[in-house]
C-alpha cells in the first residue's frame, strides 16, 4: 500500500521565509510519493499578542487534523519550541491512537527553555516521531535519538532551485532585507579600507548608525513593537543604486502591513506569497539580511549572502558550509549542496516507500 501524508504549513504572511522551506518539503515529498499521495493542509493557528503572550486556538476553532485519513502527519521547520507541546500534544496523541504517526522534516528549535527541552524529550520518549530530519546539527544531537528514523539533514529551503525556476532580472541587483533591524549604510567601491568586506573584488563598507540598531544586531530578535514604532520617525533616504547594482529592499512581514515601515525606502518589495521573493533572491548577486532564510535561498542559487543576526538559527547555514556568514559575504560549494540534497531524498525515499508500520499498541 502506498504511503499517504498530510503536510501542515502556514504562517507565511508573518514571515515569508516559512514558505521557502515549506515549498521545499512539499517538493521532496511529491518527488518521493507522487503528487496524489501528498496533501497540504493548513497549520493549526495560534497568535502572539503585542505583549508577547501566545494565544492558543479558540475552543470554537475547527480542529480537523485528527480526523484526516492519512498514514503520517508531517510538521516542518522550527516547531520544537516551548510552544510545541501546548499546541501539538493532544493532536499527536489522538492521531497515534488511530495508528497515525508524525514526521518532523527540516526540524529546528526556537525559543527553547530548559523546562521545554525536558518536557519535549519526555514526550518524544513516549510518543516518538516516526522520522526526524533536522536542519542543523544541534537539533539532531538533541532529538534525533528519539525518532524511529533520524537524519542529520539540511533545511528544505535549499531545494528552492529545484521547485522554483526564476525569470531573469535585466539589471544586476543586490538585495537588502532588514525588517527586524534598521538597514545599515552600505557602500561599494574600489578603494581599500581597513575593516572593509570583499565582494567580487570590490570593497564593501558597512556602518550601522544609532544606538538601538547596534544593540538589536547583537540579539536574536529585535522588539517588534520598537521597530514598528521607530518607522514613523524620519529616516535618511537610502540610494536605489550602490555602485553598478540596483538595490532591492525586501520585507518578510506582509502582516501587519504597516506602510511606513515596509515602504520607507526606494525599491521596497513585500508580498503575501513567496514567489516574488524567490525570483529576487535567485537573481541577487549579494543578499545582506537579518533573516536566515533570505540568506539560505540566495546561497541555494549560487550567490553570496551575509547575515546580520547573532542567532542559533544560523546553524542551518553552517550546516551547508556557510561558515563566517555573520562576518562577511560568503558562497557555498554547490557540488556539496547537490550531494546533500540527493542523499537526503534518497534516505527519506527508502523509509517512506516501505510498507506502513502500524503497531497494534496504537
Protein backbone atom coordinates (compact mmCIF):
# COMPACT_ATOMS: atom_id res chain seq x y z
CA UNK A 1 0.00 0.00 0.00
CA UNK A 2 1.35 3.45 -0.92
CA UNK A 3 2.02 5.90 1.85
CA UNK A 4 -0.19 8.99 2.09
CA UNK A 5 0.84 12.04 4.11
CA UNK A 6 -0.75 15.32 5.18
CA UNK A 7 1.71 18.16 5.46
CA UNK A 8 0.79 21.10 7.73
CA UNK A 9 2.08 24.53 6.78
CA UNK A 10 1.23 28.16 7.37
CA UNK A 11 2.23 31.48 8.92
CA UNK A 12 3.62 32.76 5.62
CA UNK A 13 2.27 36.31 5.88
CA UNK A 14 4.01 36.96 9.21
CA UNK A 15 7.31 35.53 7.93
CA UNK A 16 7.52 34.63 4.26
CA UNK A 17 10.69 32.65 4.99
CA UNK A 18 8.41 29.90 6.32
CA UNK A 19 7.20 29.40 2.76
CA UNK A 20 10.71 28.79 1.43
CA UNK A 21 11.23 25.57 3.39
CA UNK A 22 7.52 24.67 3.21
CA UNK A 23 7.63 24.56 -0.59
CA UNK A 24 10.81 22.50 -0.29
CA UNK A 25 9.08 19.96 1.93
CA UNK A 26 6.16 19.71 -0.50
CA UNK A 27 8.56 19.27 -3.43
CA UNK A 28 10.58 16.50 -1.75
CA UNK A 29 7.52 14.58 -0.55
CA UNK A 30 5.97 14.74 -4.02
CA UNK A 31 9.22 13.57 -5.61
CA UNK A 32 9.15 10.50 -3.37
CA UNK A 33 5.46 9.66 -3.07
CA UNK A 34 3.87 11.34 -6.09
CA UNK A 35 1.64 14.39 -6.04
CA UNK A 36 -1.51 12.34 -5.50
CA UNK A 37 -0.17 10.97 -2.19
CA UNK A 38 0.74 14.34 -0.65
CA UNK A 39 -1.98 16.56 0.79
CA UNK A 40 -1.06 20.05 2.00
CA UNK A 41 -3.25 21.34 4.83
CA UNK A 42 -3.34 24.47 6.98
CA UNK A 43 -1.27 24.64 10.13
CA UNK A 44 -3.03 24.81 13.49
CA UNK A 45 -3.42 28.54 14.03
CA UNK A 46 -2.11 30.38 17.07
CA UNK A 47 -1.34 34.02 17.54
CA UNK A 48 1.03 36.17 19.53
CA UNK A 49 -0.28 39.39 21.00
CA UNK A 50 1.56 42.69 21.05
CA UNK A 51 2.52 41.86 24.64
CA UNK A 52 4.31 38.70 23.56
CA UNK A 53 1.67 36.36 25.01
CA UNK A 54 0.94 33.24 22.99
CA UNK A 55 -2.77 32.84 22.27
CA UNK A 56 -3.74 29.22 21.73
CA UNK A 57 -6.61 28.11 19.49
CA UNK A 58 -10.12 29.14 20.38
CA UNK A 59 -12.48 26.47 21.67
CA UNK A 60 -14.61 27.21 18.59
CA UNK A 61 -11.76 26.78 16.11
CA UNK A 62 -12.24 23.84 13.74
CA UNK A 63 -9.81 21.06 14.61
CA UNK A 64 -9.86 18.61 11.75
CA UNK A 65 -6.28 17.34 11.71
CA UNK A 66 -7.05 14.36 13.98
CA UNK A 67 -9.79 13.27 11.56
CA UNK A 68 -7.58 13.06 8.47
CA UNK A 69 -7.35 9.65 6.81
CA UNK A 70 -3.60 9.50 6.17
CA UNK A 71 -0.62 7.42 7.26
CA UNK A 72 1.53 10.27 8.60
CA UNK A 73 1.12 13.87 9.65
CA UNK A 74 4.13 15.98 8.64
CA UNK A 75 5.32 19.06 10.55
CA UNK A 76 8.28 21.14 9.44
CA UNK A 77 10.55 23.98 10.47
CA UNK A 78 11.41 25.22 13.98
CA UNK A 79 8.42 23.50 15.55
CA UNK A 80 10.37 22.20 18.55
CA UNK A 81 9.86 25.07 20.96
CA UNK A 82 8.30 25.95 24.27
CA UNK A 83 5.01 26.14 22.35
CA UNK A 84 5.27 22.66 20.80
CA UNK A 85 3.50 20.61 23.46
CA UNK A 86 0.70 23.05 24.36
CA UNK A 87 -0.12 23.24 20.66
CA UNK A 88 0.51 19.73 19.32
CA UNK A 89 0.45 17.24 22.22
CA UNK A 90 -3.27 16.39 22.13
CA UNK A 91 -3.40 16.26 18.33
CA UNK A 92 -0.41 13.92 18.03
CA UNK A 93 -1.67 11.63 20.79
CA UNK A 94 -5.13 11.41 19.18
CA UNK A 95 -3.57 10.60 15.83
CA UNK A 96 -1.38 7.97 17.46
CA UNK A 97 -4.50 6.30 18.92
CA UNK A 98 -5.69 5.87 15.33
CA UNK A 99 -2.38 4.38 14.22
CA UNK A 100 -1.15 7.59 12.56
CA UNK A 101 2.41 8.65 13.34
CA UNK A 102 4.01 12.06 12.87
CA UNK A 103 7.09 13.15 10.93
CA UNK A 104 9.34 16.17 11.57
CA UNK A 105 11.18 17.49 8.49
CA UNK A 106 13.62 20.39 8.26
CA UNK A 107 13.28 20.35 12.04
CA UNK A 108 14.77 23.08 14.17
CA UNK A 109 14.42 24.63 17.62
CA UNK A 110 13.07 28.04 18.56
CA UNK A 111 12.51 29.83 21.87
CA UNK A 112 13.54 26.82 23.92
CA UNK A 113 13.90 26.84 27.69
CA UNK A 114 15.40 24.19 29.96
CA UNK A 115 11.90 23.21 31.03
CA UNK A 116 10.67 22.97 27.44
CA UNK A 117 13.69 20.86 26.50
CA UNK A 118 12.97 18.44 29.33
CA UNK A 119 9.26 18.23 28.51
CA UNK A 120 9.87 17.68 24.79
CA UNK A 121 12.38 14.92 25.50
CA UNK A 122 9.89 13.18 27.78
CA UNK A 123 7.15 13.46 25.17
CA UNK A 124 9.39 12.13 22.40
CA UNK A 125 10.33 9.16 24.59
CA UNK A 126 6.71 8.07 24.96
CA UNK A 127 5.34 9.39 21.65
CA UNK A 128 8.27 9.26 19.28
CA UNK A 129 8.33 10.79 15.80
CA UNK A 130 8.44 8.20 13.04
CA UNK A 131 11.01 10.31 11.16
CA UNK A 132 13.06 13.31 12.25
CA UNK A 133 15.22 15.07 9.68
CA UNK A 134 16.95 18.08 11.22
CA UNK A 135 18.07 21.32 9.60
CA UNK A 136 21.00 21.87 11.96
CA UNK A 137 23.30 19.62 13.94
CA UNK A 138 22.24 20.93 17.35
CA UNK A 139 18.65 19.77 16.80
CA UNK A 140 19.80 16.40 15.51
CA UNK A 141 22.05 15.85 18.53
CA UNK A 142 19.26 16.82 20.95
CA UNK A 143 16.33 14.89 19.48
CA UNK A 144 17.47 12.52 16.74
CA UNK A 145 17.80 9.63 19.20
CA UNK A 146 14.07 9.62 19.92
CA UNK A 147 12.84 9.05 16.35
CA UNK A 148 12.43 5.64 14.71
CA UNK A 149 14.50 7.08 11.86
CA UNK A 150 16.63 10.20 12.18
CA UNK A 151 18.86 12.12 9.79
CA UNK A 152 21.36 14.94 10.22
CA UNK A 153 19.81 16.87 7.36
CA UNK A 154 19.69 20.30 5.80
CA UNK A 155 16.97 22.93 5.67
CA UNK A 156 14.49 22.23 2.89
CA UNK A 157 14.73 25.87 1.78
CA UNK A 158 17.89 24.79 -0.07
CA UNK A 159 15.64 22.89 -2.50
CA UNK A 160 14.39 26.25 -3.84
CA UNK A 161 16.19 25.94 -7.21
CA UNK A 162 14.55 22.53 -7.68
CA UNK A 163 10.98 23.72 -7.15
CA UNK A 164 11.23 27.31 -8.43
CA UNK A 165 12.66 28.37 -11.78
CA UNK A 166 13.16 32.14 -11.87
CA UNK A 167 12.87 34.65 -14.67
CA UNK A 168 16.00 36.72 -15.21
CA UNK A 169 16.02 40.31 -13.95
CA UNK A 170 17.60 42.59 -16.54
CA UNK A 171 19.75 44.56 -14.07
CA UNK A 172 22.47 43.44 -11.69
CA UNK A 173 20.96 43.56 -8.22
CA UNK A 174 21.85 43.30 -4.58
CA UNK A 175 19.12 42.72 -2.01
CA UNK A 176 18.90 44.32 1.40
CA UNK A 177 16.47 42.52 3.70
CA UNK A 178 16.28 44.29 7.06
CA UNK A 179 12.83 44.04 8.57
CA UNK A 180 13.91 43.30 12.15
CA UNK A 181 16.70 45.87 12.46
CA UNK A 182 17.42 49.12 10.64
CA UNK A 183 19.21 48.92 7.31
CA UNK A 184 22.89 49.77 7.71
CA UNK A 185 24.71 52.24 5.49
CA UNK A 186 26.36 50.25 2.70
CA UNK A 187 28.88 51.44 0.12
CA UNK A 188 30.77 49.52 -2.55
CA UNK A 189 33.96 50.82 -4.12
CA UNK A 190 37.48 50.04 -5.27
CA UNK A 191 39.31 51.89 -2.50
CA UNK A 192 40.87 49.61 0.09
CA UNK A 193 39.96 50.44 3.69
CA UNK A 194 40.63 48.76 7.00
CA UNK A 195 37.60 46.72 8.04
CA UNK A 196 36.02 46.67 4.58
CA UNK A 197 34.49 43.40 3.30
CA UNK A 198 35.41 41.82 -0.01
CA UNK A 199 32.78 41.05 -2.66
CA UNK A 200 33.64 40.22 -6.27
CA UNK A 201 36.93 42.08 -5.96
CA UNK A 202 35.24 45.20 -4.58
CA UNK A 203 35.32 46.67 -1.10
CA UNK A 204 32.06 46.82 0.87
CA UNK A 205 31.82 49.24 3.76
CA UNK A 206 29.02 48.61 6.23
CA UNK A 207 28.12 51.03 9.00
CA UNK A 208 25.24 50.69 11.43
CA UNK A 209 24.17 54.06 12.82
CA UNK A 210 22.34 54.79 16.06
CA UNK A 211 22.39 53.09 19.44
CA UNK A 212 19.28 50.92 19.11
CA UNK A 213 20.19 49.27 15.78
CA UNK A 214 23.63 48.39 17.11
CA UNK A 215 22.04 46.83 20.18
CA UNK A 216 19.46 44.95 18.13
CA UNK A 217 22.08 43.43 15.84
CA UNK A 218 23.55 41.62 18.84
CA UNK A 219 20.29 39.97 19.84
CA UNK A 220 18.25 37.12 18.40
CA UNK A 221 15.19 39.25 17.75
CA UNK A 222 14.60 42.97 17.77
CA UNK A 223 11.47 44.13 19.58
CA UNK A 224 8.58 44.11 17.10
CA UNK A 225 6.92 47.00 18.86
CA UNK A 226 10.06 49.12 18.74
CA UNK A 227 10.87 48.53 15.06
CA UNK A 228 7.31 49.40 14.06
CA UNK A 229 7.19 52.44 16.35
CA UNK A 230 10.53 53.76 15.11
CA UNK A 231 9.35 53.57 11.50
CA UNK A 232 7.22 56.70 11.97
CA UNK A 233 10.36 58.73 12.56
CA UNK A 234 12.04 60.43 9.57
CA UNK A 235 14.84 58.39 8.01
CA UNK A 236 17.79 59.32 5.85
CA UNK A 237 16.93 58.35 2.28
CA UNK A 238 18.99 55.41 1.11
CA UNK A 239 20.18 55.02 -2.51
CA UNK A 240 18.35 52.98 -5.10
CA UNK A 241 21.73 52.01 -6.58
CA UNK A 242 25.01 51.06 -4.96
CA UNK A 243 27.95 51.12 -7.41
CA UNK A 244 26.53 49.45 -10.54
CA UNK A 245 23.95 47.37 -8.67
CA UNK A 246 20.25 48.10 -8.40
CA UNK A 247 19.19 47.83 -4.74
CA UNK A 248 16.02 45.89 -3.92
CA UNK A 249 14.70 46.02 -0.35
CA UNK A 250 12.54 43.13 0.79
CA UNK A 251 10.41 42.87 3.92
CA UNK A 252 9.42 39.35 5.02
CA UNK A 253 6.45 40.52 7.10
CA UNK A 254 3.40 41.19 4.99
CA UNK A 255 1.26 41.21 8.13
CA UNK A 256 0.94 43.57 9.88
CA UNK A 257 1.12 45.60 6.69
CA UNK A 258 2.39 48.90 8.07
CA UNK A 259 3.23 51.01 5.02
CA UNK A 260 5.52 53.45 6.83
CA UNK A 261 7.74 50.55 7.87
CA UNK A 262 7.66 48.49 4.68
CA UNK A 263 7.94 51.23 2.05
CA UNK A 264 10.11 53.85 3.71
CA UNK A 265 12.95 53.42 1.15
CA UNK A 266 13.14 53.10 -2.67
CA UNK A 267 12.61 49.75 -4.45
CA UNK A 268 10.85 48.15 -1.49
CA UNK A 269 9.11 44.83 -2.00
CA UNK A 270 6.59 42.97 0.16
CA UNK A 271 4.01 40.31 -0.73
CA UNK A 272 1.79 37.70 0.88
CA UNK A 273 3.04 34.87 -1.36
CA UNK A 274 6.66 33.72 -1.75
CA UNK A 275 7.29 33.69 -5.48
CA UNK A 276 8.38 37.28 -5.98
CA UNK A 277 10.89 36.90 -3.14
CA UNK A 278 12.25 33.70 -4.67
CA UNK A 279 12.68 35.42 -8.02
CA UNK A 280 14.53 38.31 -6.39
CA UNK A 281 16.87 36.15 -4.30
CA UNK A 282 17.55 33.88 -7.29
CA UNK A 283 18.82 36.95 -9.18
CA UNK A 284 20.54 38.66 -6.27
CA UNK A 285 24.31 38.81 -6.65
CA UNK A 286 24.52 39.59 -2.95
CA UNK A 287 21.90 39.48 -0.21
CA UNK A 288 22.55 41.21 3.10
CA UNK A 289 19.90 40.39 5.65
CA UNK A 290 18.90 39.89 9.27
CA UNK A 291 16.88 36.78 8.28
CA UNK A 292 18.42 33.35 7.81
CA UNK A 293 16.09 32.21 5.03
CA UNK A 294 16.75 35.23 2.82
CA UNK A 295 20.40 34.17 3.02
CA UNK A 296 19.62 30.46 2.60
CA UNK A 297 17.71 30.87 -0.66
CA UNK A 298 20.30 33.26 -2.09
CA UNK A 299 23.04 30.75 -1.27
CA UNK A 300 20.99 27.93 -2.79
CA UNK A 301 21.02 29.73 -6.16
CA UNK A 302 24.81 30.03 -6.00
CA UNK A 303 25.09 33.67 -4.94
CA UNK A 304 26.64 35.49 -1.99
CA UNK A 305 24.94 36.34 1.31
CA UNK A 306 25.77 37.91 4.65
CA UNK A 307 23.70 37.55 7.82
CA UNK A 308 23.32 40.43 10.29
CA UNK A 309 21.98 38.48 13.27
CA UNK A 310 23.66 36.58 16.04
CA UNK A 311 21.19 33.72 16.40
CA UNK A 312 21.22 29.97 16.95
CA UNK A 313 19.20 29.69 13.75
CA UNK A 314 22.30 30.31 11.68
CA UNK A 315 23.11 26.67 12.42
CA UNK A 316 21.13 25.80 9.30
CA UNK A 317 23.55 27.95 7.28
CA UNK A 318 26.63 26.46 8.92
CA UNK A 319 25.23 23.01 8.12
CA UNK A 320 25.80 23.67 4.40
CA UNK A 321 29.23 25.21 4.84
CA UNK A 322 28.36 28.91 5.16
CA UNK A 323 30.87 29.50 7.93
CA UNK A 324 31.66 33.11 8.66
CA UNK A 325 28.41 34.37 7.14
CA UNK A 326 27.88 36.78 10.06
CA UNK A 327 31.29 38.36 9.43
CA UNK A 328 31.48 38.63 5.64
CA UNK A 329 29.67 37.74 2.39
CA UNK A 330 30.06 34.04 1.63
CA UNK A 331 29.12 31.50 -1.02
CA UNK A 332 28.75 27.76 -0.57
CA UNK A 333 30.09 24.78 -2.50
CA UNK A 334 27.27 23.92 -4.92
CA UNK A 335 28.56 20.39 -5.56
CA UNK A 336 28.47 19.78 -1.81
CA UNK A 337 24.91 21.15 -1.63
CA UNK A 338 23.74 18.98 -4.54
CA UNK A 339 25.22 15.93 -2.84
CA UNK A 340 23.49 16.76 0.45
CA UNK A 341 20.13 17.19 -1.27
CA UNK A 342 20.43 13.95 -3.25
CA UNK A 343 21.43 11.96 -0.16
CA UNK A 344 18.58 13.41 1.88
CA UNK A 345 15.99 12.49 -0.76
CA UNK A 346 17.47 9.01 -1.13
CA UNK A 347 17.39 8.40 2.63
CA UNK A 348 13.83 9.63 3.04
CA UNK A 349 12.67 7.71 -0.01
CA UNK A 350 13.90 4.39 1.36
CA UNK A 351 11.90 4.87 4.56
CA UNK A 352 8.67 6.25 3.12
CA UNK A 353 8.44 3.62 0.39
CA UNK A 354 8.48 0.82 2.95
CA UNK A 355 5.10 -0.71 3.93
CA UNK A 356 3.38 1.43 6.53
CA UNK A 357 4.10 0.20 10.06
CA UNK A 358 1.06 0.40 12.31
CA UNK A 359 1.77 -1.27 15.62
CA UNK A 360 -1.10 -2.99 17.44
CA UNK A 361 -0.38 -0.90 20.50
CA UNK A 362 -1.69 2.29 18.85
